[in-house]
Amino acid sequence: MRVHQALAMTVVAMTLTACGESKSDRALSGAAIGAGAGAIGSSLVGGSTAGGALVGGAVGAAAGGLTDKDDINLGKPAWR
């Protein structure tokens, strides 16, 4: 069951991986990627999935907000 959950979360995270050009787009996509990665990582090691998603989302949002399009540019976000 955990493998199916991890796979589903990975697919959802991969659909949201476009970083965008503005700081807010980058922070949003970073938060989504970080939350997915944190939830998956935490559930795989037996920790709290929600806690992992919360920490991963915060770290991802900070990383996305602190970078600019010259650092990492994955194109236009899916929601634009």
N, C-alpha and C. Protein backbone atom coordinates (compact mmCIF):
# COMPACT_ATOMS: atom_id res chain seq x y z
N MET A 1 0.82 -1.20 0.00
CA MET A 1 0.00 0.00 0.00
C MET A 1 0.87 1.26 0.00
N ARG A 2 1.96 1.28 0.76
CA ARG A 2 2.82 2.46 0.80
C ARG A 2 3.46 2.75 -0.55
N VAL A 3 3.78 1.70 -1.29
CA VAL A 3 4.39 1.91 -2.60
C VAL A 3 3.40 2.60 -3.52
N HIS A 4 2.14 2.22 -3.47
CA HIS A 4 1.12 2.86 -4.31
C HIS A 4 0.93 4.32 -3.91
N GLN A 5 0.94 4.61 -2.61
CA GLN A 5 0.81 5.99 -2.16
C GLN A 5 2.01 6.82 -2.60
N ALA A 6 3.19 6.26 -2.47
CA ALA A 6 4.40 6.98 -2.87
C ALA A 6 4.39 7.24 -4.37
N LEU A 7 3.97 6.27 -5.14
CA LEU A 7 3.91 6.43 -6.58
C LEU A 7 2.89 7.51 -6.97
N ALA A 8 1.73 7.49 -6.33
CA ALA A 8 0.70 8.50 -6.62
C ALA A 8 1.19 9.90 -6.27
N MET A 9 1.85 10.04 -5.14
CA MET A 9 2.37 11.36 -4.74
C MET A 9 3.47 11.83 -5.69
N THR A 10 4.27 10.91 -6.16
CA THR A 10 5.33 11.27 -7.10
C THR A 10 4.74 11.77 -8.42
N VAL A 11 3.71 11.11 -8.89
CA VAL A 11 3.06 11.53 -10.14
C VAL A 11 2.46 12.92 -9.99
N VAL A 12 1.80 13.17 -8.86
CA VAL A 12 1.21 14.49 -8.62
C VAL A 12 2.31 15.55 -8.55
N ALA A 13 3.38 15.26 -7.85
CA ALA A 13 4.48 16.22 -7.74
C ALA A 13 5.12 16.51 -9.09
N MET A 14 5.24 15.50 -9.92
CA MET A 14 5.86 15.68 -11.23
C MET A 14 5.01 16.56 -12.14
N THR A 15 3.69 16.57 -11.95
CA THR A 15 2.84 17.43 -12.78
C THR A 15 2.96 18.89 -12.37
N LEU A 16 3.48 19.15 -11.19
CA LEU A 16 3.59 20.52 -10.69
C LEU A 16 5.02 21.04 -10.72
N THR A 17 5.90 20.42 -11.48
CA THR A 17 7.31 20.76 -11.37
C THR A 17 7.75 21.98 -12.15
N ALA A 18 6.89 22.60 -12.92
CA ALA A 18 7.31 23.80 -13.63
C ALA A 18 7.56 24.93 -12.63
N CYS A 19 8.72 25.55 -12.70
CA CYS A 19 9.10 26.53 -11.68
C CYS A 19 8.51 27.91 -11.91
N GLY A 20 8.44 28.38 -13.12
CA GLY A 20 7.89 29.70 -13.38
C GLY A 20 8.95 30.77 -13.38
N GLU A 21 8.53 31.99 -13.65
CA GLU A 21 9.46 33.10 -13.77
C GLU A 21 9.38 34.06 -12.59
N SER A 22 8.23 34.22 -11.96
CA SER A 22 8.13 35.16 -10.83
C SER A 22 8.48 34.46 -9.53
N LYS A 23 8.80 35.25 -8.52
CA LYS A 23 9.14 34.70 -7.20
C LYS A 23 7.96 33.91 -6.62
N SER A 24 6.74 34.41 -6.82
CA SER A 24 5.58 33.71 -6.26
C SER A 24 5.34 32.37 -6.96
N ASP A 25 5.50 32.33 -8.28
CA ASP A 25 5.37 31.06 -9.00
C ASP A 25 6.41 30.06 -8.54
N ARG A 26 7.63 30.53 -8.36
CA ARG A 26 8.71 29.65 -7.93
C ARG A 26 8.47 29.16 -6.51
N ALA A 27 7.97 30.02 -5.64
CA ALA A 27 7.70 29.61 -4.27
C ALA A 27 6.56 28.59 -4.23
N LEU A 28 5.52 28.79 -5.03
CA LEU A 28 4.40 27.84 -5.06
C LEU A 28 4.82 26.48 -5.60
N SER A 29 5.55 26.48 -6.70
CA SER A 29 5.97 25.19 -7.26
C SER A 29 7.00 24.53 -6.35
N GLY A 30 7.87 25.31 -5.72
CA GLY A 30 8.82 24.74 -4.77
C GLY A 30 8.12 24.12 -3.58
N ALA A 31 7.07 24.79 -3.10
CA ALA A 31 6.30 24.24 -1.97
C ALA A 31 5.62 22.93 -2.36
N ALA A 32 5.07 22.88 -3.56
CA ALA A 32 4.40 21.65 -4.00
C ALA A 32 5.38 20.49 -4.15
N ILE A 33 6.52 20.78 -4.75
CA ILE A 33 7.54 19.74 -4.93
C ILE A 33 8.07 19.30 -3.57
N GLY A 34 8.36 20.26 -2.71
CA GLY A 34 8.88 19.93 -1.38
C GLY A 34 7.90 19.16 -0.54
N ALA A 35 6.63 19.52 -0.61
CA ALA A 35 5.61 18.81 0.17
C ALA A 35 5.48 17.37 -0.32
N GLY A 36 5.49 17.18 -1.62
CA GLY A 36 5.43 15.82 -2.16
C GLY A 36 6.63 14.99 -1.77
N ALA A 37 7.81 15.58 -1.91
CA ALA A 37 9.03 14.86 -1.55
C ALA A 37 9.09 14.58 -0.06
N GLY A 38 8.68 15.54 0.76
CA GLY A 38 8.69 15.35 2.21
C GLY A 38 7.71 14.28 2.65
N ALA A 39 6.54 14.27 2.06
CA ALA A 39 5.54 13.26 2.41
C ALA A 39 5.99 11.87 2.01
N ILE A 40 6.54 11.75 0.82
CA ILE A 40 7.03 10.46 0.35
C ILE A 40 8.19 9.98 1.20
N GLY A 41 9.15 10.85 1.43
CA GLY A 41 10.31 10.46 2.23
C GLY A 41 9.94 10.08 3.64
N SER A 42 9.06 10.84 4.24
CA SER A 42 8.64 10.54 5.61
C SER A 42 7.86 9.24 5.71
N SER A 43 6.98 9.01 4.73
CA SER A 43 6.20 7.77 4.78
C SER A 43 7.07 6.54 4.53
N LEU A 44 8.11 6.69 3.73
CA LEU A 44 8.99 5.57 3.45
C LEU A 44 9.85 5.17 4.65
N VAL A 45 10.17 6.14 5.51
CA VAL A 45 10.98 5.83 6.69
C VAL A 45 10.13 5.61 7.94
N GLY A 46 8.81 5.65 7.78
CA GLY A 46 7.91 5.37 8.89
C GLY A 46 7.54 6.57 9.74
N GLY A 47 7.81 7.77 9.26
CA GLY A 47 7.47 8.98 10.00
C GLY A 47 6.07 9.47 9.66
N SER A 48 5.75 10.64 10.15
CA SER A 48 4.46 11.26 9.90
C SER A 48 4.43 11.84 8.49
N THR A 49 3.49 11.39 7.68
CA THR A 49 3.38 11.89 6.31
C THR A 49 3.03 13.38 6.31
N ALA A 50 2.12 13.78 7.17
CA ALA A 50 1.72 15.19 7.23
C ALA A 50 2.88 16.06 7.71
N GLY A 51 3.62 15.58 8.69
CA GLY A 51 4.78 16.33 9.17
C GLY A 51 5.84 16.47 8.11
N GLY A 52 6.09 15.40 7.38
CA GLY A 52 7.06 15.45 6.29
C GLY A 52 6.63 16.40 5.20
N ALA A 53 5.34 16.40 4.89
CA ALA A 53 4.82 17.31 3.86
C ALA A 53 4.93 18.76 4.31
N LEU A 54 4.68 19.01 5.59
CA LEU A 54 4.76 20.37 6.12
C LEU A 54 6.19 20.90 6.07
N VAL A 55 7.13 20.11 6.54
CA VAL A 55 8.53 20.53 6.53
C VAL A 55 9.04 20.65 5.09
N GLY A 56 8.75 19.66 4.27
CA GLY A 56 9.19 19.70 2.87
C GLY A 56 8.60 20.88 2.11
N GLY A 57 7.33 21.18 2.38
CA GLY A 57 6.70 22.32 1.72
C GLY A 57 7.32 23.64 2.11
N ALA A 58 7.65 23.77 3.40
CA ALA A 58 8.28 25.01 3.87
C ALA A 58 9.67 25.18 3.26
N VAL A 59 10.45 24.11 3.24
CA VAL A 59 11.79 24.18 2.66
C VAL A 59 11.71 24.44 1.15
N GLY A 60 10.78 23.77 0.48
CA GLY A 60 10.62 23.97 -0.96
C GLY A 60 10.18 25.39 -1.30
N ALA A 61 9.27 25.94 -0.52
CA ALA A 61 8.81 27.31 -0.77
C ALA A 61 9.95 28.30 -0.56
N ALA A 62 10.74 28.09 0.48
CA ALA A 62 11.88 28.97 0.72
C ALA A 62 12.90 28.86 -0.41
N ALA A 63 13.19 27.65 -0.84
CA ALA A 63 14.15 27.46 -1.93
C ALA A 63 13.64 28.08 -3.22
N GLY A 64 12.36 27.90 -3.51
CA GLY A 64 11.80 28.48 -4.72
C GLY A 64 11.77 30.00 -4.68
N GLY A 65 11.46 30.55 -3.52
CA GLY A 65 11.39 31.99 -3.38
C GLY A 65 12.75 32.67 -3.38
N LEU A 66 13.78 31.95 -2.99
CA LEU A 66 15.11 32.54 -2.90
C LEU A 66 15.94 32.38 -4.18
N THR A 67 15.42 31.62 -5.14
CA THR A 67 16.13 31.48 -6.41
C THR A 67 15.47 32.35 -7.46
N ASP A 68 16.19 32.61 -8.53
CA ASP A 68 15.57 33.33 -9.64
C ASP A 68 15.66 32.50 -10.90
N LYS A 69 15.06 32.99 -11.98
CA LYS A 69 14.97 32.17 -13.19
C LYS A 69 16.33 31.91 -13.82
N ASP A 70 17.34 32.67 -13.45
CA ASP A 70 18.69 32.41 -13.96
C ASP A 70 19.35 31.24 -13.25
N ASP A 71 18.92 30.94 -12.01
CA ASP A 71 19.48 29.81 -11.26
C ASP A 71 18.94 28.49 -11.78
N ILE A 72 17.62 28.37 -11.82
CA ILE A 72 16.95 27.15 -12.29
C ILE A 72 15.73 27.60 -13.07
N ASN A 73 15.58 27.14 -14.30
CA ASN A 73 14.43 27.54 -15.11
C ASN A 73 13.85 26.29 -15.78
N LEU A 74 12.71 25.85 -15.28
CA LEU A 74 12.04 24.68 -15.86
C LEU A 74 10.87 25.09 -16.74
N GLY A 75 10.73 26.38 -17.02
CA GLY A 75 9.70 26.82 -17.95
C GLY A 75 8.46 27.39 -17.27
N LYS A 76 7.43 27.52 -18.06
CA LYS A 76 6.17 28.10 -17.63
C LYS A 76 5.43 27.12 -16.72
N PRO A 77 4.86 27.59 -15.58
CA PRO A 77 4.15 26.67 -14.70
C PRO A 77 2.86 26.13 -15.31
N ALA A 78 2.43 24.98 -14.86
CA ALA A 78 1.25 24.31 -15.41
C ALA A 78 -0.02 25.14 -15.21
N TRP A 79 -0.07 25.97 -14.18
CA TRP A 79 -1.31 26.71 -13.89
C TRP A 79 -1.38 28.02 -14.66
N ARG A 80 -0.42 28.33 -15.51
CA ARG A 80 -0.45 29.58 -16.30
C ARG A 80 -0.81 29.30 -17.73
